[in-house]
Full PDB file with SEQRES, HELIX, SHEET, SSBOND, CRYST1, ORIGX, SCALE, CONECT and MASTER records, all heavy atoms in Angstrom:
SEQRES   1 A   29  LEU CYS ARG PRO ARG TYR ARG GLY LEU PHE THR ALA PRO          
SEQRES   2 A   29  VAL ARG LEU VAL THR GLY ILE LEU LEU ALA LEU LEU GLY          
SEQRES   3 A   29  VAL LEU MET                                                  
HELIX    1 AA1 ARG A    7  PHE A   10  5                                   4    
HELIX    2 AA2 ALA A   12  LEU A   28  1                                  17    
CRYST1    1.000    1.000    1.000  90.00  90.00  90.00 P 1           1          
ORIGX1      1.000000  0.000000  0.000000        0.00000                         
ORIGX2      0.000000  1.000000  0.000000        0.00000                         
ORIGX3      0.000000  0.000000  1.000000        0.00000                         
SCALE1      1.000000  0.000000  0.000000        0.00000                         
SCALE2      0.000000  1.000000  0.000000        0.00000                         
SCALE3      0.000000  0.000000  1.000000        0.00000                         
ATOM      1  N   LEU A   1       6.624  21.675  10.515  1.00  0.00           N  
ATOM      2  CA  LEU A   1       7.902  22.039   9.904  1.00  0.00           C  
ATOM      3  C   LEU A   1       8.212  21.203   8.662  1.00  0.00           C  
ATOM      4  O   LEU A   1       9.138  21.524   7.919  1.00  0.00           O  
ATOM      5  CB  LEU A   1       9.035  21.842  10.923  1.00  0.00           C  
ATOM      6  CG  LEU A   1       8.933  22.611  12.243  1.00  0.00           C  
ATOM      7  CD1 LEU A   1      10.112  22.232  13.145  1.00  0.00           C  
ATOM      8  CD2 LEU A   1       8.897  24.111  12.010  1.00  0.00           C  
ATOM      9  N   CYS A   2       7.439  20.132   8.484  1.00  0.00           N  
ATOM     10  CA  CYS A   2       7.798  19.147   7.454  1.00  0.00           C  
ATOM     11  C   CYS A   2       7.238  19.491   6.080  1.00  0.00           C  
ATOM     12  O   CYS A   2       6.122  19.984   5.948  1.00  0.00           O  
ATOM     13  CB  CYS A   2       7.282  17.760   7.854  1.00  0.00           C  
ATOM     14  SG  CYS A   2       8.161  17.011   9.222  1.00  0.00           S  
ATOM     15  N   ARG A   3       8.048  19.190   5.078  1.00  0.00           N  
ATOM     16  CA  ARG A   3       7.616  19.185   3.687  1.00  0.00           C  
ATOM     17  C   ARG A   3       8.649  18.368   2.914  1.00  0.00           C  
ATOM     18  O   ARG A   3       9.810  18.276   3.330  1.00  0.00           O  
ATOM     19  CB  ARG A   3       7.512  20.599   3.117  1.00  0.00           C  
ATOM     20  CG  ARG A   3       8.818  21.366   3.062  1.00  0.00           C  
ATOM     21  CD  ARG A   3       8.592  22.757   2.494  1.00  0.00           C  
ATOM     22  NE  ARG A   3       9.843  23.484   2.303  1.00  0.00           N  
ATOM     23  CZ  ARG A   3      10.466  24.160   3.236  1.00  0.00           C  
ATOM     24  NH1 ARG A   3       9.951  24.214   4.446  1.00  0.00           N  
ATOM     25  NH2 ARG A   3      11.585  24.805   2.973  1.00  0.00           N  
ATOM     26  N   PRO A   4       8.264  17.741   1.825  1.00  0.00           N  
ATOM     27  CA  PRO A   4       9.236  16.938   1.064  1.00  0.00           C  
ATOM     28  C   PRO A   4      10.394  17.801   0.560  1.00  0.00           C  
ATOM     29  O   PRO A   4      10.183  18.780  -0.159  1.00  0.00           O  
ATOM     30  CB  PRO A   4       8.394  16.400  -0.102  1.00  0.00           C  
ATOM     31  CG  PRO A   4       6.987  16.429   0.404  1.00  0.00           C  
ATOM     32  CD  PRO A   4       6.908  17.651   1.280  1.00  0.00           C  
ATOM     33  N   ARG A   5      11.621  17.472   0.941  1.00  0.00           N  
ATOM     34  CA  ARG A   5      12.795  18.234   0.526  1.00  0.00           C  
ATOM     35  C   ARG A   5      14.059  17.415   0.787  1.00  0.00           C  
ATOM     36  O   ARG A   5      14.025  16.437   1.539  1.00  0.00           O  
ATOM     37  CB  ARG A   5      12.878  19.578   1.262  1.00  0.00           C  
ATOM     38  CG  ARG A   5      12.786  19.447   2.771  1.00  0.00           C  
ATOM     39  CD  ARG A   5      12.734  20.793   3.461  1.00  0.00           C  
ATOM     40  NE  ARG A   5      12.311  20.655   4.850  1.00  0.00           N  
ATOM     41  CZ  ARG A   5      12.246  21.662   5.720  1.00  0.00           C  
ATOM     42  NH1 ARG A   5      12.581  22.882   5.348  1.00  0.00           N  
ATOM     43  NH2 ARG A   5      11.832  21.446   6.967  1.00  0.00           N  
ATOM     44  N   TYR A   6      15.139  17.854   0.157  1.00  0.00           N  
ATOM     45  CA  TYR A   6      16.447  17.204   0.321  1.00  0.00           C  
ATOM     46  C   TYR A   6      16.345  15.689   0.121  1.00  0.00           C  
ATOM     47  O   TYR A   6      16.743  14.892   0.968  1.00  0.00           O  
ATOM     48  CB  TYR A   6      17.053  17.530   1.685  1.00  0.00           C  
ATOM     49  CG  TYR A   6      17.222  19.007   1.940  1.00  0.00           C  
ATOM     50  CD1 TYR A   6      16.540  19.636   2.980  1.00  0.00           C  
ATOM     51  CD2 TYR A   6      18.048  19.773   1.123  1.00  0.00           C  
ATOM     52  CE1 TYR A   6      16.675  21.002   3.208  1.00  0.00           C  
ATOM     53  CE2 TYR A   6      18.198  21.147   1.350  1.00  0.00           C  
ATOM     54  CZ  TYR A   6      17.512  21.754   2.384  1.00  0.00           C  
ATOM     55  OH  TYR A   6      17.652  23.099   2.602  1.00  0.00           O  
ATOM     56  N   ARG A   7      15.829  15.316  -1.046  1.00  0.00           N  
ATOM     57  CA  ARG A   7      15.620  13.898  -1.343  1.00  0.00           C  
ATOM     58  C   ARG A   7      16.932  13.112  -1.364  1.00  0.00           C  
ATOM     59  O   ARG A   7      16.923  11.894  -1.277  1.00  0.00           O  
ATOM     60  CB  ARG A   7      14.894  13.756  -2.681  1.00  0.00           C  
ATOM     61  CG  ARG A   7      13.482  14.338  -2.683  1.00  0.00           C  
ATOM     62  CD  ARG A   7      12.586  13.588  -1.709  1.00  0.00           C  
ATOM     63  NE  ARG A   7      11.227  14.092  -1.694  1.00  0.00           N  
ATOM     64  CZ  ARG A   7      10.269  13.653  -2.483  1.00  0.00           C  
ATOM     65  NH1 ARG A   7      10.521  12.711  -3.366  1.00  0.00           N  
ATOM     66  NH2 ARG A   7       9.053  14.138  -2.398  1.00  0.00           N  
ATOM     67  N   GLY A   8      18.054  13.798  -1.494  1.00  0.00           N  
ATOM     68  CA  GLY A   8      19.334  13.109  -1.509  1.00  0.00           C  
ATOM     69  C   GLY A   8      19.620  12.357  -0.223  1.00  0.00           C  
ATOM     70  O   GLY A   8      20.443  11.437  -0.208  1.00  0.00           O  
ATOM     71  N   LEU A   9      18.938  12.741   0.864  1.00  0.00           N  
ATOM     72  CA  LEU A   9      19.140  12.059   2.138  1.00  0.00           C  
ATOM     73  C   LEU A   9      18.376  10.738   2.224  1.00  0.00           C  
ATOM     74  O   LEU A   9      18.410  10.066   3.256  1.00  0.00           O  
ATOM     75  CB  LEU A   9      18.740  12.965   3.297  1.00  0.00           C  
ATOM     76  CG  LEU A   9      19.673  14.162   3.538  1.00  0.00           C  
ATOM     77  CD1 LEU A   9      19.162  15.024   4.676  1.00  0.00           C  
ATOM     78  CD2 LEU A   9      21.082  13.677   3.854  1.00  0.00           C  
ATOM     79  N   PHE A  10      17.692  10.375   1.140  1.00  0.00           N  
ATOM     80  CA  PHE A  10      16.980   9.096   1.110  1.00  0.00           C  
ATOM     81  C   PHE A  10      17.588   8.142   0.092  1.00  0.00           C  
ATOM     82  O   PHE A  10      16.984   7.137  -0.260  1.00  0.00           O  
ATOM     83  CB  PHE A  10      15.490   9.330   0.822  1.00  0.00           C  
ATOM     84  CG  PHE A  10      14.806  10.129   1.888  1.00  0.00           C  
ATOM     85  CD1 PHE A  10      14.640  11.509   1.734  1.00  0.00           C  
ATOM     86  CD2 PHE A  10      14.357   9.536   3.053  1.00  0.00           C  
ATOM     87  CE1 PHE A  10      14.030  12.264   2.720  1.00  0.00           C  
ATOM     88  CE2 PHE A  10      13.748  10.288   4.044  1.00  0.00           C  
ATOM     89  CZ  PHE A  10      13.581  11.654   3.884  1.00  0.00           C  
ATOM     90  N   THR A  11      18.798   8.464  -0.368  1.00  0.00           N  
ATOM     91  CA  THR A  11      19.505   7.569  -1.283  1.00  0.00           C  
ATOM     92  C   THR A  11      20.148   6.427  -0.487  1.00  0.00           C  
ATOM     93  O   THR A  11      20.252   6.477   0.736  1.00  0.00           O  
ATOM     94  CB  THR A  11      20.586   8.336  -2.060  1.00  0.00           C  
ATOM     95  OG1 THR A  11      21.478   8.962  -1.120  1.00  0.00           O  
ATOM     96  CG2 THR A  11      19.965   9.402  -2.946  1.00  0.00           C  
ATOM     97  N   ALA A  12      20.597   5.403  -1.211  1.00  0.00           N  
ATOM     98  CA  ALA A  12      21.100   4.183  -0.571  1.00  0.00           C  
ATOM     99  C   ALA A  12      22.229   4.430   0.427  1.00  0.00           C  
ATOM    100  O   ALA A  12      22.196   3.884   1.543  1.00  0.00           O  
ATOM    101  CB  ALA A  12      21.527   3.178  -1.641  1.00  0.00           C  
ATOM    102  N   PRO A  13      23.257   5.235   0.105  1.00  0.00           N  
ATOM    103  CA  PRO A  13      24.348   5.428   1.085  1.00  0.00           C  
ATOM    104  C   PRO A  13      23.867   6.067   2.389  1.00  0.00           C  
ATOM    105  O   PRO A  13      24.296   5.654   3.482  1.00  0.00           O  
ATOM    106  CB  PRO A  13      25.334   6.339   0.344  1.00  0.00           C  
ATOM    107  CG  PRO A  13      25.035   6.133  -1.103  1.00  0.00           C  
ATOM    108  CD  PRO A  13      23.557   5.916  -1.165  1.00  0.00           C  
ATOM    109  N   VAL A  14      22.978   7.057   2.286  1.00  0.00           N  
ATOM    110  CA  VAL A  14      22.488   7.728   3.495  1.00  0.00           C  
ATOM    111  C   VAL A  14      21.529   6.813   4.252  1.00  0.00           C  
ATOM    112  O   VAL A  14      21.485   6.825   5.489  1.00  0.00           O  
ATOM    113  CB  VAL A  14      21.814   9.068   3.153  1.00  0.00           C  
ATOM    114  CG1 VAL A  14      21.405   9.807   4.428  1.00  0.00           C  
ATOM    115  CG2 VAL A  14      22.744   9.944   2.333  1.00  0.00           C  
ATOM    116  N   ARG A  15      20.754   6.007   3.526  1.00  0.00           N  
ATOM    117  CA  ARG A  15      19.885   5.029   4.190  1.00  0.00           C  
ATOM    118  C   ARG A  15      20.720   4.069   5.040  1.00  0.00           C  
ATOM    119  O   ARG A  15      20.309   3.674   6.130  1.00  0.00           O  
ATOM    120  CB  ARG A  15      19.074   4.247   3.153  1.00  0.00           C  
ATOM    121  CG  ARG A  15      17.991   5.042   2.461  1.00  0.00           C  
ATOM    122  CD  ARG A  15      17.268   4.182   1.425  1.00  0.00           C  
ATOM    123  NE  ARG A  15      16.431   3.195   2.079  1.00  0.00           N  
ATOM    124  CZ  ARG A  15      15.134   3.368   2.338  1.00  0.00           C  
ATOM    125  NH1 ARG A  15      14.535   4.505   2.005  1.00  0.00           N  
ATOM    126  NH2 ARG A  15      14.441   2.418   2.929  1.00  0.00           N  
ATOM    127  N   LEU A  16      21.894   3.705   4.530  1.00  0.00           N  
ATOM    128  CA  LEU A  16      22.774   2.806   5.289  1.00  0.00           C  
ATOM    129  C   LEU A  16      23.235   3.480   6.582  1.00  0.00           C  
ATOM    130  O   LEU A  16      23.208   2.868   7.659  1.00  0.00           O  
ATOM    131  CB  LEU A  16      23.967   2.402   4.437  1.00  0.00           C  
ATOM    132  CG  LEU A  16      25.011   1.504   5.115  1.00  0.00           C  
ATOM    133  CD1 LEU A  16      24.371   0.196   5.584  1.00  0.00           C  
ATOM    134  CD2 LEU A  16      26.183   1.230   4.182  1.00  0.00           C  
ATOM    135  N   VAL A  17      23.656   4.753   6.486  1.00  0.00           N  
ATOM    136  CA  VAL A  17      24.084   5.489   7.683  1.00  0.00           C  
ATOM    137  C   VAL A  17      22.917   5.629   8.657  1.00  0.00           C  
ATOM    138  O   VAL A  17      23.077   5.442   9.877  1.00  0.00           O  
ATOM    139  CB  VAL A  17      24.621   6.878   7.287  1.00  0.00           C  
ATOM    140  CG1 VAL A  17      24.904   7.721   8.534  1.00  0.00           C  
ATOM    141  CG2 VAL A  17      25.882   6.747   6.444  1.00  0.00           C  
ATOM    142  N   THR A  18      21.731   5.947   8.132  1.00  0.00           N  
ATOM    143  CA  THR A  18      20.547   6.071   8.982  1.00  0.00           C  
ATOM    144  C   THR A  18      20.249   4.755   9.688  1.00  0.00           C  
ATOM    145  O   THR A  18      19.946   4.723  10.886  1.00  0.00           O  
ATOM    146  CB  THR A  18      19.332   6.511   8.144  1.00  0.00           C  
ATOM    147  OG1 THR A  18      19.622   7.748   7.482  1.00  0.00           O  
ATOM    148  CG2 THR A  18      18.099   6.691   9.027  1.00  0.00           C  
ATOM    149  N   GLY A  19      20.335   3.664   8.942  1.00  0.00           N  
ATOM    150  CA  GLY A  19      20.086   2.352   9.532  1.00  0.00           C  
ATOM    151  C   GLY A  19      21.064   2.020  10.639  1.00  0.00           C  
ATOM    152  O   GLY A  19      20.686   1.465  11.680  1.00  0.00           O  
ATOM    153  N   ILE A  20      22.334   2.371  10.447  1.00  0.00           N  
ATOM    154  CA  ILE A  20      23.353   2.101  11.472  1.00  0.00           C  
ATOM    155  C   ILE A  20      23.058   2.895  12.746  1.00  0.00           C  
ATOM    156  O   ILE A  20      23.118   2.362  13.860  1.00  0.00           O  
ATOM    157  CB  ILE A  20      24.752   2.426  10.934  1.00  0.00           C  
ATOM    158  CG1 ILE A  20      25.142   1.427   9.825  1.00  0.00           C  
ATOM    159  CG2 ILE A  20      25.789   2.402  12.059  1.00  0.00           C  
ATOM    160  CD1 ILE A  20      26.415   1.790   9.099  1.00  0.00           C  
ATOM    161  N   LEU A  21      22.732   4.178  12.585  1.00  0.00           N  
ATOM    162  CA  LEU A  21      22.428   5.001  13.763  1.00  0.00           C  
ATOM    163  C   LEU A  21      21.160   4.517  14.465  1.00  0.00           C  
ATOM    164  O   LEU A  21      21.090   4.491  15.699  1.00  0.00           O  
ATOM    165  CB  LEU A  21      22.284   6.467  13.362  1.00  0.00           C  
ATOM    166  CG  LEU A  21      23.593   7.250  13.209  1.00  0.00           C  
ATOM    167  CD1 LEU A  21      23.320   8.643  12.660  1.00  0.00           C  
ATOM    168  CD2 LEU A  21      24.329   7.341  14.537  1.00  0.00           C  
ATOM    169  N   LEU A  22      20.152   4.135  13.690  1.00  0.00           N  
ATOM    170  CA  LEU A  22      18.926   3.607  14.293  1.00  0.00           C  
ATOM    171  C   LEU A  22      19.203   2.313  15.061  1.00  0.00           C  
ATOM    172  O   LEU A  22      18.657   2.082  16.137  1.00  0.00           O  
ATOM    173  CB  LEU A  22      17.865   3.360  13.219  1.00  0.00           C  
ATOM    174  CG  LEU A  22      17.114   4.591  12.686  1.00  0.00           C  
ATOM    175  CD1 LEU A  22      16.287   4.220  11.470  1.00  0.00           C  
ATOM    176  CD2 LEU A  22      16.225   5.191  13.775  1.00  0.00           C  
ATOM    177  N   ALA A  23      20.058   1.470  14.484  1.00  0.00           N  
ATOM    178  CA  ALA A  23      20.414   0.219  15.162  1.00  0.00           C  
ATOM    179  C   ALA A  23      21.103   0.516  16.493  1.00  0.00           C  
ATOM    180  O   ALA A  23      20.840  -0.148  17.509  1.00  0.00           O  
ATOM    181  CB  ALA A  23      21.309  -0.629  14.265  1.00  0.00           C  
ATOM    182  N   LEU A  24      21.985   1.515  16.500  1.00  0.00           N  
ATOM    183  CA  LEU A  24      22.656   1.896  17.743  1.00  0.00           C  
ATOM    184  C   LEU A  24      21.643   2.387  18.768  1.00  0.00           C  
ATOM    185  O   LEU A  24      21.710   2.019  19.954  1.00  0.00           O  
ATOM    186  CB  LEU A  24      23.694   2.980  17.455  1.00  0.00           C  
ATOM    187  CG  LEU A  24      24.407   3.573  18.685  1.00  0.00           C  
ATOM    188  CD1 LEU A  24      25.155   2.490  19.452  1.00  0.00           C  
ATOM    189  CD2 LEU A  24      25.372   4.687  18.255  1.00  0.00           C  
ATOM    190  N   LEU A  25      20.686   3.204  18.332  1.00  0.00           N  
ATOM    191  CA  LEU A  25      19.655   3.696  19.251  1.00  0.00           C  
ATOM    192  C   LEU A  25      18.844   2.537  19.822  1.00  0.00           C  
ATOM    193  O   LEU A  25      18.502   2.519  21.006  1.00  0.00           O  
ATOM    194  CB  LEU A  25      18.732   4.684  18.529  1.00  0.00           C  
ATOM    195  CG  LEU A  25      19.362   5.997  18.080  1.00  0.00           C  
ATOM    196  CD1 LEU A  25      18.365   6.810  17.258  1.00  0.00           C  
ATOM    197  CD2 LEU A  25      19.855   6.811  19.264  1.00  0.00           C  
ATOM    198  N   GLY A  26      18.514   1.563  18.957  1.00  0.00           N  
ATOM    199  CA  GLY A  26      17.763   0.409  19.428  1.00  0.00           C  
ATOM    200  C   GLY A  26      18.525  -0.384  20.471  1.00  0.00           C  
ATOM    201  O   GLY A  26      17.965  -0.799  21.489  1.00  0.00           O  
ATOM    202  N   VAL A  27      19.826  -0.578  20.242  1.00  0.00           N  
ATOM    203  CA  VAL A  27      20.656  -1.315  21.200  1.00  0.00           C  
ATOM    204  C   VAL A  27      20.752  -0.551  22.514  1.00  0.00           C  
ATOM    205  O   VAL A  27      20.690  -1.151  23.602  1.00  0.00           O  
ATOM    206  CB  VAL A  27      22.055  -1.573  20.611  1.00  0.00           C  
ATOM    207  CG1 VAL A  27      22.999  -2.109  21.671  1.00  0.00           C  
ATOM    208  CG2 VAL A  27      21.977  -2.553  19.438  1.00  0.00           C  
ATOM    209  N   LEU A  28      20.902   0.771  22.440  1.00  0.00           N  
ATOM    210  CA  LEU A  28      21.019   1.578  23.663  1.00  0.00           C  
ATOM    211  C   LEU A  28      19.762   1.468  24.540  1.00  0.00           C  
ATOM    212  O   LEU A  28      19.839   1.595  25.766  1.00  0.00           O  
ATOM    213  CB  LEU A  28      21.266   3.044  23.311  1.00  0.00           C  
ATOM    214  CG  LEU A  28      22.651   3.373  22.734  1.00  0.00           C  
ATOM    215  CD1 LEU A  28      22.721   4.832  22.332  1.00  0.00           C  
ATOM    216  CD2 LEU A  28      23.742   3.035  23.740  1.00  0.00           C  
ATOM    217  N   MET A  29      18.620   1.214  23.903  1.00  0.00           N  
ATOM    218  CA  MET A  29      17.384   1.114  24.673  1.00  0.00           C  
ATOM    219  C   MET A  29      17.287  -0.195  25.454  1.00  0.00           C  
ATOM    220  O   MET A  29      16.394  -0.368  26.276  1.00  0.00           O  
ATOM    221  CB  MET A  29      16.178   1.298  23.746  1.00  0.00           C  
ATOM    222  CG  MET A  29      16.065   2.734  23.240  1.00  0.00           C  
ATOM    223  SD  MET A  29      14.729   2.987  22.069  1.00  0.00           S  
ATOM    224  CE  MET A  29      13.322   2.661  23.094  1.00  0.00           C  
TER     225      MET A  29                                                      
MASTER        0    0    0    2    0    0    0    6  224    1    0    3          
END                                                                             
């Protein structure tokens, strides 16, 4: 299903949101 697209989701603000959610997932584990 993958192909390079929607590069806007890799900008700094979205990276911050992604990092926060990943951190939460890590803590939940």
